[in-house]
Amino acid sequence: MVKLKAKKIEASTLVEVLIAMVVIMVVFSVAIGVFSNVLSGGISLKKIQAQAQMEVLVKQFRDEGIKGDQVIKIDSVDYELISSESDIQGMSRLEIRASERGRFLGSVKCLLGSENGKGED
């Protein structure tokens, strides 16, 4: 018969395991903080979509003209259109500001010709 030898098995103590868990938790919490900062600091898809929609609105108002200041809501984003007279004769200034639930997403400013700008009353 084969005789089994009694060997002493080395193992980690409870204190060592707890210290290792604390170190791993600290590393993960730092990594999550860095990851969330990267996500919040980058350009969001909503900002890119709002910028593209503002460009479409500018083209639309160059073709059709605008009738005073107005607010347009498209896909939960509010586009505030502000028109004013320009210092340049025959031109009007148009500014479009995009916001979603009070959070600013971007703005576009442009000049429009008088025939495409505010209608004369």
PDB file of N, CA and C in Angstrom:
ATOM      1  N   MET A   1       0.803  -1.181   0.000  1.00  0.00           N
ATOM      2  CA  MET A   1       0.000   0.000   0.000  1.00  0.00           C
ATOM      3  C   MET A   1       0.851   1.252   0.000  1.00  0.00           C
ATOM      4  N   VAL A   2       0.306   2.240  -0.597  1.00  0.00           N
ATOM      5  CA  VAL A   2       1.005   3.515  -0.647  1.00  0.00           C
ATOM      6  C   VAL A   2       0.662   4.301   0.601  1.00  0.00           C
ATOM      7  N   LYS A   3       1.695   4.810   1.185  1.00  0.00           N
ATOM      8  CA  LYS A   3       1.509   5.560   2.409  1.00  0.00           C
ATOM      9  C   LYS A   3       1.440   7.059   2.074  1.00  0.00           C
ATOM     10  N   LEU A   4       0.402   7.740   2.525  1.00  0.00           N
ATOM     11  CA  LEU A   4       0.246   9.176   2.302  1.00  0.00           C
ATOM     12  C   LEU A   4       1.079   9.941   3.317  1.00  0.00           C
ATOM     13  N   LYS A   5       1.760  10.931   2.816  1.00  0.00           N
ATOM     14  CA  LYS A   5       2.551  11.766   3.706  1.00  0.00           C
ATOM     15  C   LYS A   5       1.711  12.967   4.147  1.00  0.00           C
ATOM     16  N   ALA A   6       1.822  13.308   5.332  1.00  0.00           N
ATOM     17  CA  ALA A   6       1.139  14.488   5.847  1.00  0.00           C
ATOM     18  C   ALA A   6       2.022  15.695   5.588  1.00  0.00           C
ATOM     19  N   LYS A   7       1.599  16.531   4.614  1.00  0.00           N
ATOM     20  CA  LYS A   7       2.348  17.747   4.302  1.00  0.00           C
ATOM     21  C   LYS A   7       1.612  18.938   4.879  1.00  0.00           C
ATOM     22  N   LYS A   8       2.362  19.918   5.240  1.00  0.00           N
ATOM     23  CA  LYS A   8       1.766  21.154   5.717  1.00  0.00           C
ATOM     24  C   LYS A   8       1.496  22.027   4.489  1.00  0.00           C
ATOM     25  N   ILE A   9       0.253  22.403   4.270  1.00  0.00           N
ATOM     26  CA  ILE A   9      -0.138  23.218   3.123  1.00  0.00           C
ATOM     27  C   ILE A   9      -0.056  24.686   3.530  1.00  0.00           C
ATOM     28  N   GLU A  10       0.633  25.453   2.682  1.00  0.00           N
ATOM     29  CA  GLU A  10       0.729  26.889   2.966  1.00  0.00           C
ATOM     30  C   GLU A  10      -0.517  27.574   2.426  1.00  0.00           C
ATOM     31  N   ALA A  11      -1.050  28.502   3.172  1.00  0.00           N
ATOM     32  CA  ALA A  11      -2.251  29.225   2.769  1.00  0.00           C
ATOM     33  C   ALA A  11      -2.144  30.664   3.243  1.00  0.00           C
ATOM     34  N   SER A  12      -3.003  31.504   2.688  1.00  0.00           N
ATOM     35  CA  SER A  12      -3.037  32.904   3.091  1.00  0.00           C
ATOM     36  C   SER A  12      -3.881  33.036   4.347  1.00  0.00           C
ATOM     37  N   THR A  13      -3.509  33.989   5.152  1.00  0.00           N
ATOM     38  CA  THR A  13      -4.301  34.237   6.347  1.00  0.00           C
ATOM     39  C   THR A  13      -5.468  35.142   5.988  1.00  0.00           C
ATOM     40  N   LEU A  14      -6.421  35.226   6.855  1.00  0.00           N
ATOM     41  CA  LEU A  14      -7.594  36.060   6.632  1.00  0.00           C
ATOM     42  C   LEU A  14      -7.200  37.526   6.475  1.00  0.00           C
ATOM     43  N   VAL A  15      -6.235  37.992   7.217  1.00  0.00           N
ATOM     44  CA  VAL A  15      -5.786  39.387   7.142  1.00  0.00           C
ATOM     45  C   VAL A  15      -5.201  39.680   5.755  1.00  0.00           C
ATOM     46  N   GLU A  16      -4.410  38.772   5.225  1.00  0.00           N
ATOM     47  CA  GLU A  16      -3.826  38.964   3.899  1.00  0.00           C
ATOM     48  C   GLU A  16      -4.903  39.029   2.827  1.00  0.00           C
ATOM     49  N   VAL A  17      -5.912  38.188   2.933  1.00  0.00           N
ATOM     50  CA  VAL A  17      -7.010  38.195   1.965  1.00  0.00           C
ATOM     51  C   VAL A  17      -7.776  39.511   2.049  1.00  0.00           C
ATOM     52  N   LEU A  18      -8.050  39.981   3.253  1.00  0.00           N
ATOM     53  CA  LEU A  18      -8.768  41.245   3.412  1.00  0.00           C
ATOM     54  C   LEU A  18      -7.972  42.419   2.859  1.00  0.00           C
ATOM     55  N   ILE A  19      -6.675  42.446   3.102  1.00  0.00           N
ATOM     56  CA  ILE A  19      -5.831  43.526   2.572  1.00  0.00           C
ATOM     57  C   ILE A  19      -5.832  43.496   1.044  1.00  0.00           C
ATOM     58  N   ALA A  20      -5.753  42.312   0.463  1.00  0.00           N
ATOM     59  CA  ALA A  20      -5.784  42.189  -0.996  1.00  0.00           C
ATOM     60  C   ALA A  20      -7.113  42.678  -1.555  1.00  0.00           C
ATOM     61  N   MET A  21      -8.211  42.374  -0.898  1.00  0.00           N
ATOM     62  CA  MET A  21      -9.528  42.839  -1.349  1.00  0.00           C
ATOM     63  C   MET A  21      -9.632  44.356  -1.281  1.00  0.00           C
ATOM     64  N   VAL A  22      -9.105  44.958  -0.224  1.00  0.00           N
ATOM     65  CA  VAL A  22      -9.142  46.422  -0.090  1.00  0.00           C
ATOM     66  C   VAL A  22      -8.320  47.069  -1.205  1.00  0.00           C
ATOM     67  N   VAL A  23      -7.155  46.530  -1.503  1.00  0.00           N
ATOM     68  CA  VAL A  23      -6.315  47.082  -2.572  1.00  0.00           C
ATOM     69  C   VAL A  23      -7.036  46.980  -3.919  1.00  0.00           C
ATOM     70  N   ILE A  24      -7.658  45.857  -4.179  1.00  0.00           N
ATOM     71  CA  ILE A  24      -8.395  45.685  -5.447  1.00  0.00           C
ATOM     72  C   ILE A  24      -9.566  46.651  -5.523  1.00  0.00           C
ATOM     73  N   MET A  25     -10.289  46.856  -4.421  1.00  0.00           N
ATOM     74  CA  MET A  25     -11.416  47.798  -4.417  1.00  0.00           C
ATOM     75  C   MET A  25     -10.938  49.224  -4.672  1.00  0.00           C
ATOM     76  N   VAL A  26      -9.820  49.621  -4.110  1.00  0.00           N
ATOM     77  CA  VAL A  26      -9.277  50.961  -4.346  1.00  0.00           C
ATOM     78  C   VAL A  26      -8.901  51.132  -5.814  1.00  0.00           C
ATOM     79  N   VAL A  27      -8.255  50.145  -6.391  1.00  0.00           N
ATOM     80  CA  VAL A  27      -7.863  50.222  -7.806  1.00  0.00           C
ATOM     81  C   VAL A  27      -9.098  50.339  -8.690  1.00  0.00           C
ATOM     82  N   PHE A  28     -10.129  49.531  -8.424  1.00  0.00           N
ATOM     83  CA  PHE A  28     -11.346  49.596  -9.230  1.00  0.00           C
ATOM     84  C   PHE A  28     -12.079  50.918  -9.058  1.00  0.00           C
ATOM     85  N   SER A  29     -12.119  51.469  -7.866  1.00  0.00           N
ATOM     86  CA  SER A  29     -12.812  52.748  -7.674  1.00  0.00           C
ATOM     87  C   SER A  29     -12.091  53.880  -8.394  1.00  0.00           C
ATOM     88  N   VAL A  30     -10.768  53.859  -8.409  1.00  0.00           N
ATOM     89  CA  VAL A  30     -10.015  54.867  -9.169  1.00  0.00           C
ATOM     90  C   VAL A  30     -10.279  54.691 -10.660  1.00  0.00           C
ATOM     91  N   ALA A  31     -10.309  53.459 -11.134  1.00  0.00           N
ATOM     92  CA  ALA A  31     -10.558  53.201 -12.554  1.00  0.00           C
ATOM     93  C   ALA A  31     -11.954  53.649 -12.971  1.00  0.00           C
ATOM     94  N   ILE A  32     -12.940  53.429 -12.115  1.00  0.00           N
ATOM     95  CA  ILE A  32     -14.303  53.872 -12.432  1.00  0.00           C
ATOM     96  C   ILE A  32     -14.374  55.393 -12.465  1.00  0.00           C
ATOM     97  N   GLY A  33     -13.696  56.066 -11.551  1.00  0.00           N
ATOM     98  CA  GLY A  33     -13.668  57.532 -11.568  1.00  0.00           C
ATOM     99  C   GLY A  33     -13.039  58.083 -12.828  1.00  0.00           C
ATOM    100  N   VAL A  34     -11.936  57.500 -13.259  1.00  0.00           N
ATOM    101  CA  VAL A  34     -11.277  57.940 -14.498  1.00  0.00           C
ATOM    102  C   VAL A  34     -12.191  57.681 -15.691  1.00  0.00           C
ATOM    103  N   PHE A  35     -12.824  56.520 -15.739  1.00  0.00           N
ATOM    104  CA  PHE A  35     -13.707  56.159 -16.846  1.00  0.00           C
ATOM    105  C   PHE A  35     -14.892  57.117 -16.941  1.00  0.00           C
ATOM    106  N   SER A  36     -15.499  57.458 -15.809  1.00  0.00           N
ATOM    107  CA  SER A  36     -16.649  58.374 -15.845  1.00  0.00           C
ATOM    108  C   SER A  36     -16.226  59.781 -16.259  1.00  0.00           C
ATOM    109  N   ASN A  37     -15.033  60.217 -15.872  1.00  0.00           N
ATOM    110  CA  ASN A  37     -14.547  61.524 -16.316  1.00  0.00           C
ATOM    111  C   ASN A  37     -14.302  61.554 -17.815  1.00  0.00           C
ATOM    112  N   VAL A  38     -13.792  60.473 -18.355  1.00  0.00           N
ATOM    113  CA  VAL A  38     -13.565  60.397 -19.796  1.00  0.00           C
ATOM    114  C   VAL A  38     -14.893  60.449 -20.538  1.00  0.00           C
ATOM    115  N   LEU A  39     -15.889  59.730 -20.049  1.00  0.00           N
ATOM    116  CA  LEU A  39     -17.194  59.717 -20.711  1.00  0.00           C
ATOM    117  C   LEU A  39     -17.883  61.072 -20.632  1.00  0.00           C
ATOM    118  N   SER A  40     -17.843  61.721 -19.489  1.00  0.00           N
ATOM    119  CA  SER A  40     -18.533  63.000 -19.354  1.00  0.00           C
ATOM    120  C   SER A  40     -17.790  64.140 -20.029  1.00  0.00           C
ATOM    121  N   GLY A  41     -16.488  64.028 -20.200  1.00  0.00           N
ATOM    122  CA  GLY A  41     -15.715  65.107 -20.808  1.00  0.00           C
ATOM    123  C   GLY A  41     -15.696  65.083 -22.316  1.00  0.00           C
ATOM    124  N   GLY A  42     -16.062  63.995 -22.916  1.00  0.00           N
ATOM    125  CA  GLY A  42     -16.018  63.864 -24.368  1.00  0.00           C
ATOM    126  C   GLY A  42     -17.238  64.479 -25.036  1.00  0.00           C
ATOM    127  N   ILE A  43     -17.191  64.524 -26.346  1.00  0.00           N
ATOM    128  CA  ILE A  43     -18.319  65.035 -27.118  1.00  0.00           C
ATOM    129  C   ILE A  43     -19.369  63.937 -27.177  1.00  0.00           C
ATOM    130  N   SER A  44     -20.562  64.243 -26.717  1.00  0.00           N
ATOM    131  CA  SER A  44     -21.607  63.240 -26.696  1.00  0.00           C
ATOM    132  C   SER A  44     -22.297  63.160 -28.049  1.00  0.00           C
ATOM    133  N   LEU A  45     -22.951  62.058 -28.269  1.00  0.00           N
ATOM    134  CA  LEU A  45     -23.694  61.855 -29.504  1.00  0.00           C
ATOM    135  C   LEU A  45     -24.801  62.889 -29.622  1.00  0.00           C
ATOM    136  N   LYS A  46     -25.410  63.260 -28.493  1.00  0.00           N
ATOM    137  CA  LYS A  46     -26.490  64.243 -28.518  1.00  0.00           C
ATOM    138  C   LYS A  46     -25.991  65.606 -28.990  1.00  0.00           C
ATOM    139  N   LYS A  47     -24.762  65.989 -28.595  1.00  0.00           N
ATOM    140  CA  LYS A  47     -24.197  67.262 -29.047  1.00  0.00           C
ATOM    141  C   LYS A  47     -23.931  67.243 -30.553  1.00  0.00           C
ATOM    142  N   ILE A  48     -23.451  66.119 -31.052  1.00  0.00           N
ATOM    143  CA  ILE A  48     -23.187  66.002 -32.491  1.00  0.00           C
ATOM    144  C   ILE A  48     -24.494  66.070 -33.270  1.00  0.00           C
ATOM    145  N   GLN A  49     -25.535  65.388 -32.776  1.00  0.00           N
ATOM    146  CA  GLN A  49     -26.833  65.436 -33.438  1.00  0.00           C
ATOM    147  C   GLN A  49     -27.420  66.844 -33.400  1.00  0.00           C
ATOM    148  N   ALA A  50     -27.271  67.543 -32.272  1.00  0.00           N
ATOM    149  CA  ALA A  50     -27.787  68.904 -32.160  1.00  0.00           C
ATOM    150  C   ALA A  50     -27.057  69.839 -33.116  1.00  0.00           C
ATOM    151  N   GLN A  51     -25.743  69.675 -33.258  1.00  0.00           N
ATOM    152  CA  GLN A  51     -24.977  70.511 -34.183  1.00  0.00           C
ATOM    153  C   GLN A  51     -25.436  70.277 -35.624  1.00  0.00           C
ATOM    154  N   ALA A  52     -25.652  69.026 -35.989  1.00  0.00           N
ATOM    155  CA  ALA A  52     -26.123  68.711 -37.341  1.00  0.00           C
ATOM    156  C   ALA A  52     -27.516  69.291 -37.576  1.00  0.00           C
ATOM    157  N   GLN A  53     -28.400  69.200 -36.576  1.00  0.00           N
ATOM    158  CA  GLN A  53     -29.748  69.739 -36.716  1.00  0.00           C
ATOM    159  C   GLN A  53     -29.722  71.258 -36.829  1.00  0.00           C
ATOM    160  N   MET A  54     -28.812  71.913 -36.102  1.00  0.00           N
ATOM    161  CA  MET A  54     -28.706  73.374 -36.213  1.00  0.00           C
ATOM    162  C   MET A  54     -28.257  73.783 -37.611  1.00  0.00           C
ATOM    163  N   GLU A  55     -27.350  73.025 -38.217  1.00  0.00           N
ATOM    164  CA  GLU A  55     -26.927  73.319 -39.593  1.00  0.00           C
ATOM    165  C   GLU A  55     -28.097  73.163 -40.567  1.00  0.00           C
ATOM    166  N   VAL A  56     -28.930  72.145 -40.341  1.00  0.00           N
ATOM    167  CA  VAL A  56     -30.116  71.951 -41.186  1.00  0.00           C
ATOM    168  C   VAL A  56     -31.074  73.127 -41.012  1.00  0.00           C
ATOM    169  N   LEU A  57     -31.264  73.586 -39.771  1.00  0.00           N
ATOM    170  CA  LEU A  57     -32.143  74.728 -39.520  1.00  0.00           C
ATOM    171  C   LEU A  57     -31.626  75.996 -40.188  1.00  0.00           C
ATOM    172  N   VAL A  58     -30.309  76.203 -40.170  1.00  0.00           N
ATOM    173  CA  VAL A  58     -29.734  77.377 -40.826  1.00  0.00           C
ATOM    174  C   VAL A  58     -30.035  77.325 -42.324  1.00  0.00           C
ATOM    175  N   LYS A  59     -29.830  76.185 -42.947  1.00  0.00           N
ATOM    176  CA  LYS A  59     -30.124  76.049 -44.387  1.00  0.00           C
ATOM    177  C   LYS A  59     -31.603  76.280 -44.663  1.00  0.00           C
ATOM    178  N   GLN A  60     -32.448  75.745 -43.784  1.00  0.00           N
ATOM    179  CA  GLN A  60     -33.894  75.904 -43.960  1.00  0.00           C
ATOM    180  C   GLN A  60     -34.290  77.371 -43.876  1.00  0.00           C
ATOM    181  N   PHE A  61     -33.755  78.108 -42.919  1.00  0.00           N
ATOM    182  CA  PHE A  61     -34.132  79.504 -42.763  1.00  0.00           C
ATOM    183  C   PHE A  61     -33.470  80.398 -43.798  1.00  0.00           C
ATOM    184  N   ARG A  62     -32.357  79.968 -44.386  1.00  0.00           N
ATOM    185  CA  ARG A  62     -31.800  80.720 -45.511  1.00  0.00           C
ATOM    186  C   ARG A  62     -32.726  80.629 -46.715  1.00  0.00           C
ATOM    187  N   ASP A  63     -33.344  79.469 -46.893  1.00  0.00           N
ATOM    188  CA  ASP A  63     -34.245  79.274 -48.035  1.00  0.00           C
ATOM    189  C   ASP A  63     -35.621  79.901 -47.805  1.00  0.00           C
ATOM    190  N   GLU A  64     -36.185  79.693 -46.605  1.00  0.00           N
ATOM    191  CA  GLU A  64     -37.561  80.098 -46.344  1.00  0.00           C
ATOM    192  C   GLU A  64     -37.694  81.414 -45.603  1.00  0.00           C
ATOM    193  N   GLY A  65     -36.690  81.837 -44.895  1.00  0.00           N
ATOM    194  CA  GLY A  65     -36.777  83.040 -44.079  1.00  0.00           C
ATOM    195  C   GLY A  65     -37.346  82.722 -42.708  1.00  0.00           C
ATOM    196  N   ILE A  66     -37.168  83.649 -41.772  1.00  0.00           N
ATOM    197  CA  ILE A  66     -37.665  83.445 -40.416  1.00  0.00           C
ATOM    198  C   ILE A  66     -38.626  84.554 -40.065  1.00  0.00           C
ATOM    199  N   LYS A  67     -39.540  84.253 -39.189  1.00  0.00           N
ATOM    200  CA  LYS A  67     -40.556  85.211 -38.767  1.00  0.00           C
ATOM    201  C   LYS A  67     -40.378  85.509 -37.281  1.00  0.00           C
ATOM    202  N   GLY A  68     -39.345  86.220 -36.927  1.00  0.00           N
ATOM    203  CA  GLY A  68     -39.128  86.593 -35.532  1.00  0.00           C
ATOM    204  C   GLY A  68     -38.504  85.476 -34.713  1.00  0.00           C
ATOM    205  N   ASP A  69     -38.337  85.763 -33.426  1.00  0.00           N
ATOM    206  CA  ASP A  69     -37.730  84.784 -32.525  1.00  0.00           C
ATOM    207  C   ASP A  69     -38.716  83.656 -32.241  1.00  0.00           C
ATOM    208  N   GLN A  70     -38.200  82.443 -32.136  1.00  0.00           N
ATOM    209  CA  GLN A  70     -39.051  81.295 -31.856  1.00  0.00           C
ATOM    210  C   GLN A  70     -38.250  80.172 -31.217  1.00  0.00           C
ATOM    211  N   VAL A  71     -38.959  79.225 -30.642  1.00  0.00           N
ATOM    212  CA  VAL A  71     -38.344  78.043 -30.050  1.00  0.00           C
ATOM    213  C   VAL A  71     -38.945  76.828 -30.740  1.00  0.00           C
ATOM    214  N   ILE A  72     -38.067  75.953 -31.235  1.00  0.00           N
ATOM    215  CA  ILE A  72     -38.496  74.737 -31.919  1.00  0.00           C
ATOM    216  C   ILE A  72     -37.998  73.558 -31.096  1.00  0.00           C
ATOM    217  N   LYS A  73     -38.869  72.572 -30.894  1.00  0.00           N
ATOM    218  CA  LYS A  73     -38.480  71.371 -30.144  1.00  0.00           C
ATOM    219  C   LYS A  73     -38.447  70.195 -31.115  1.00  0.00           C
ATOM    220  N   ILE A  74     -37.247  69.592 -31.234  1.00  0.00           N
ATOM    221  CA  ILE A  74     -37.057  68.439 -32.108  1.00  0.00           C
ATOM    222  C   ILE A  74     -36.327  67.375 -31.292  1.00  0.00           C
ATOM    223  N   ASP A  75     -36.925  66.198 -31.171  1.00  0.00           N
ATOM    224  CA  ASP A  75     -36.310  65.073 -30.454  1.00  0.00           C
ATOM    225  C   ASP A  75     -35.833  65.459 -29.049  1.00  0.00           C
ATOM    226  N   SER A  76     -36.679  66.073 -28.280  1.00  0.00           N
ATOM    227  CA  SER A  76     -36.430  66.484 -26.895  1.00  0.00           C
ATOM    228  C   SER A  76     -35.341  67.555 -26.759  1.00  0.00           C
ATOM    229  N   VAL A  77     -34.908  68.138 -27.867  1.00  0.00           N
ATOM    230  CA  VAL A  77     -33.922  69.217 -27.830  1.00  0.00           C
ATOM    231  C   VAL A  77     -34.625  70.509 -28.221  1.00  0.00           C
ATOM    232  N   ASP A  78     -34.443  71.563 -27.409  1.00  0.00           N
ATOM    233  CA  ASP A  78     -35.026  72.875 -27.698  1.00  0.00           C
ATOM    234  C   ASP A  78     -34.030  73.698 -28.496  1.00  0.00           C
ATOM    235  N   TYR A  79     -34.475  74.204 -29.648  1.00  0.00           N
ATOM    236  CA  TYR A  79     -33.656  75.076 -30.485  1.00  0.00           C
ATOM    237  C   TYR A  79     -34.256  76.470 -30.411  1.00  0.00           C
ATOM    238  N   GLU A  80     -33.521  77.390 -29.798  1.00  0.00           N
ATOM    239  CA  GLU A  80     -33.984  78.771 -29.643  1.00  0.00           C
ATOM    240  C   GLU A  80     -33.399  79.594 -30.782  1.00  0.00           C
ATOM    241  N   LEU A  81     -34.285  80.149 -31.614  1.00  0.00           N
ATOM    242  CA  LEU A  81     -33.863  80.952 -32.755  1.00  0.00           C
ATOM    243  C   LEU A  81     -33.995  82.419 -32.389  1.00  0.00           C
ATOM    244  N   ILE A  82     -32.900  83.150 -32.468  1.00  0.00           N
ATOM    245  CA  ILE A  82     -32.872  84.569 -32.113  1.00  0.00           C
ATOM    246  C   ILE A  82     -32.381  85.330 -33.340  1.00  0.00           C
ATOM    247  N   SER A  83     -33.230  86.189 -33.858  1.00  0.00           N
ATOM    248  CA  SER A  83     -32.833  86.992 -35.020  1.00  0.00           C
ATOM    249  C   SER A  83     -32.739  88.456 -34.613  1.00  0.00           C
ATOM    250  N   SER A  84     -31.786  89.151 -35.208  1.00  0.00           N
ATOM    251  CA  SER A  84     -31.608  90.563 -34.917  1.00  0.00           C
ATOM    252  C   SER A  84     -31.011  91.226 -36.150  1.00  0.00           C
ATOM    253  N   GLU A  85     -31.118  92.536 -36.181  1.00  0.00           N
ATOM    254  CA  GLU A  85     -30.555  93.292 -37.296  1.00  0.00           C
ATOM    255  C   GLU A  85     -29.038  93.315 -37.180  1.00  0.00           C
ATOM    256  N   SER A  86     -28.378  93.254 -38.301  1.00  0.00           N
ATOM    257  CA  SER A  86     -26.926  93.279 -38.332  1.00  0.00           C
ATOM    258  C   SER A  86     -26.436  94.696 -38.577  1.00  0.00           C
ATOM    259  N   ASP A  87     -25.172  94.927 -38.284  1.00  0.00           N
ATOM    260  CA  ASP A  87     -24.565  96.224 -38.580  1.00  0.00           C
ATOM    261  C   ASP A  87     -24.376  96.399 -40.085  1.00  0.00           C
ATOM    262  N   ILE A  88     -24.365  95.321 -40.796  1.00  0.00           N
ATOM    263  CA  ILE A  88     -24.199  95.347 -42.244  1.00  0.00           C
ATOM    264  C   ILE A  88     -25.561  95.561 -42.883  1.00  0.00           C
ATOM    265  N   GLN A  89     -25.650  96.553 -43.750  1.00  0.00           N
ATOM    266  CA  GLN A  89     -26.925  96.890 -44.369  1.00  0.00           C
ATOM    267  C   GLN A  89     -27.409  95.730 -45.234  1.00  0.00           C
ATOM    268  N   GLY A  90     -28.688  95.402 -45.099  1.00  0.00           N
ATOM    269  CA  GLY A  90     -29.290  94.345 -45.893  1.00  0.00           C
ATOM    270  C   GLY A  90     -29.076  92.947 -45.333  1.00  0.00           C
ATOM    271  N   MET A  91     -28.489  92.848 -44.144  1.00  0.00           N
ATOM    272  CA  MET A  91     -28.224  91.536 -43.545  1.00  0.00           C
ATOM    273  C   MET A  91     -28.884  91.481 -42.163  1.00  0.00           C
ATOM    274  N   SER A  92     -29.285  90.295 -41.781  1.00  0.00           N
ATOM    275  CA  SER A  92     -29.786  90.089 -40.424  1.00  0.00           C
ATOM    276  C   SER A  92     -28.997  88.950 -39.789  1.00  0.00           C
ATOM    277  N   ARG A  93     -28.895  89.002 -38.477  1.00  0.00           N
ATOM    278  CA  ARG A  93     -28.107  88.030 -37.720  1.00  0.00           C
ATOM    279  C   ARG A  93     -29.052  86.961 -37.178  1.00  0.00           C
ATOM    280  N   LEU A  94     -28.638  85.696 -37.273  1.00  0.00           N
ATOM    281  CA  LEU A  94     -29.422  84.591 -36.729  1.00  0.00           C
ATOM    282  C   LEU A  94     -28.529  83.786 -35.797  1.00  0.00           C
ATOM    283  N   GLU A  95     -29.033  83.535 -34.592  1.00  0.00           N
ATOM    284  CA  GLU A  95     -28.327  82.671 -33.651  1.00  0.00           C
ATOM    285  C   GLU A  95     -29.268  81.558 -33.245  1.00  0.00           C
ATOM    286  N   ILE A  96     -28.779  80.330 -33.283  1.00  0.00           N
ATOM    287  CA  ILE A  96     -29.554  79.172 -32.859  1.00  0.00           C
ATOM    288  C   ILE A  96     -28.826  78.540 -31.679  1.00  0.00           C
ATOM    289  N   ARG A  97     -29.536  78.399 -30.561  1.00  0.00           N
ATOM    290  CA  ARG A  97     -28.972  77.771 -29.364  1.00  0.00           C
ATOM    291  C   ARG A  97     -29.728  76.475 -29.094  1.00  0.00           C
ATOM    292  N   ALA A  98     -28.985  75.411 -28.860  1.00  0.00           N
ATOM    293  CA  ALA A  98     -29.594  74.113 -28.577  1.00  0.00           C
ATOM    294  C   ALA A  98     -29.400  73.771 -27.108  1.00  0.00           C
ATOM    295  N   SER A  99     -30.483  73.293 -26.478  1.00  0.00           N
ATOM    296  CA  SER A  99     -30.387  72.851 -25.087  1.00  0.00           C
ATOM    297  C   SER A  99     -31.361  71.693 -24.882  1.00  0.00           C
ATOM    298  N   GLU A 100     -30.988  70.830 -23.946  1.00  0.00           N
ATOM    299  CA  GLU A 100     -31.841  69.697 -23.605  1.00  0.00           C
ATOM    300  C   GLU A 100     -32.014  69.684 -22.097  1.00  0.00           C
ATOM    301  N   ARG A 101     -33.243  69.869 -21.646  1.00  0.00           N
ATOM    302  CA  ARG A 101     -33.567  69.929 -20.217  1.00  0.00           C
ATOM    303  C   ARG A 101     -32.673  70.908 -19.473  1.00  0.00           C
ATOM    304  N   GLY A 102     -32.450  72.080 -20.062  1.00  0.00           N
ATOM    305  CA  GLY A 102     -31.658  73.115 -19.423  1.00  0.00           C
ATOM    306  C   GLY A 102     -30.160  72.981 -19.612  1.00  0.00           C
ATOM    307  N   ARG A 103     -29.701  71.886 -20.201  1.00  0.00           N
ATOM    308  CA  ARG A 103     -28.262  71.668 -20.415  1.00  0.00           C
ATOM    309  C   ARG A 103     -27.893  72.172 -21.808  1.00  0.00           C
ATOM    310  N   PHE A 104     -26.959  73.098 -21.879  1.00  0.00           N
ATOM    311  CA  PHE A 104     -26.531  73.701 -23.136  1.00  0.00           C
ATOM    312  C   PHE A 104     -25.795  72.674 -23.991  1.00  0.00           C
ATOM    313  N   LEU A 105     -26.206  72.541 -25.268  1.00  0.00           N
ATOM    314  CA  LEU A 105     -25.568  71.593 -26.175  1.00  0.00           C
ATOM    315  C   LEU A 105     -24.692  72.272 -27.225  1.00  0.00           C
ATOM    316  N   GLY A 106     -25.028  73.504 -27.600  1.00  0.00           N
ATOM    317  CA  GLY A 106     -24.216  74.197 -28.592  1.00  0.00           C
ATOM    318  C   GLY A 106     -24.993  75.355 -29.198  1.00  0.00           C
ATOM    319  N   SER A 107     -24.291  76.138 -30.034  1.00  0.00           N
ATOM    320  CA  SER A 107     -24.944  77.260 -30.707  1.00  0.00           C
ATOM    321  C   SER A 107     -24.286  77.491 -32.060  1.00  0.00           C
ATOM    322  N   VAL A 108     -25.060  78.130 -32.940  1.00  0.00           N
ATOM    323  CA  VAL A 108     -24.591  78.482 -34.279  1.00  0.00           C
ATOM    324  C   VAL A 108     -25.005  79.920 -34.534  1.00  0.00           C
ATOM    325  N   LYS A 109     -24.102  80.708 -35.092  1.00  0.00           N
ATOM    326  CA  LYS A 109     -24.408  82.091 -35.465  1.00  0.00           C
ATOM    327  C   LYS A 109     -24.135  82.252 -36.946  1.00  0.00           C
ATOM    328  N   CYS A 110     -25.015  82.985 -37.640  1.00  0.00           N
ATOM    329  CA  CYS A 110     -24.803  83.222 -39.071  1.00  0.00           C
ATOM    330  C   CYS A 110     -25.475  84.524 -39.492  1.00  0.00           C
ATOM    331  N   LEU A 111     -25.130  84.977 -40.673  1.00  0.00           N
ATOM    332  CA  LEU A 111     -25.740  86.157 -41.274  1.00  0.00           C
ATOM    333  C   LEU A 111     -26.649  85.712 -42.412  1.00  0.00           C
ATOM    334  N   LEU A 112     -27.822  86.359 -42.487  1.00  0.00           N
ATOM    335  CA  LEU A 112     -28.770  86.068 -43.561  1.00  0.00           C
ATOM    336  C   LEU A 112     -29.025  87.344 -44.344  1.00  0.00           C
ATOM    337  N   GLY A 113     -29.253  87.188 -45.644  1.00  0.00           N
ATOM    338  CA  GLY A 113     -29.606  88.336 -46.476  1.00  0.00           C
ATOM    339  C   GLY A 113     -30.981  88.855 -46.106  1.00  0.00           C
ATOM    340  N   SER A 114     -31.255  90.125 -46.411  1.00  0.00           N
ATOM    341  CA  SER A 114     -32.517  90.740 -45.990  1.00  0.00           C
ATOM    342  C   SER A 114     -33.720  90.057 -46.626  1.00  0.00           C
ATOM    343  N   GLU A 115     -33.586  89.546 -47.857  1.00  0.00           N
ATOM    344  CA  GLU A 115     -34.728  88.864 -48.468  1.00  0.00           C
ATOM    345  C   GLU A 115     -34.974  87.512 -47.809  1.00  0.00           C
ATOM    346  N   ASN A 116     -33.959  86.963 -47.103  1.00  0.00           N
ATOM    347  CA  ASN A 116     -34.127  85.694 -46.412  1.00  0.00           C
ATOM    348  C   ASN A 116     -34.252  85.880 -44.908  1.00  0.00           C
ATOM    349  N   GLY A 117     -34.092  87.090 -44.451  1.00  0.00           N
ATOM    350  CA  GLY A 117     -34.126  87.355 -43.007  1.00  0.00           C
ATOM    351  C   GLY A 117     -35.532  87.596 -42.543  1.00  0.00           C
ATOM    352  N   LYS A 118     -35.666  88.488 -41.560  1.00  0.00           N
ATOM    353  CA  LYS A 118     -36.968  88.797 -40.981  1.00  0.00           C
ATOM    354  C   LYS A 118     -37.873  89.399 -42.050  1.00  0.00           C
ATOM    355  N   GLY A 119     -39.098  89.001 -42.016  1.00  0.00           N
ATOM    356  CA  GLY A 119     -40.072  89.622 -42.912  1.00  0.00           C
ATOM    357  C   GLY A 119     -40.408  91.012 -42.427  1.00  0.00           C
ATOM    358  N   GLU A 120     -40.576  91.936 -43.336  1.00  0.00           N
ATOM    359  CA  GLU A 120     -40.908  93.313 -42.931  1.00  0.00           C
ATOM    360  C   GLU A 120     -42.402  93.417 -42.728  1.00  0.00           C
ATOM    361  N   ASP A 121     -42.784  93.994 -41.609  1.00  0.00           N
ATOM    362  CA  ASP A 121     -44.224  94.104 -41.282  1.00  0.00           C
ATOM    363  C   ASP A 121     -44.803  95.370 -41.793  1.00  0.00           C
TER     364      ASP A 121
END
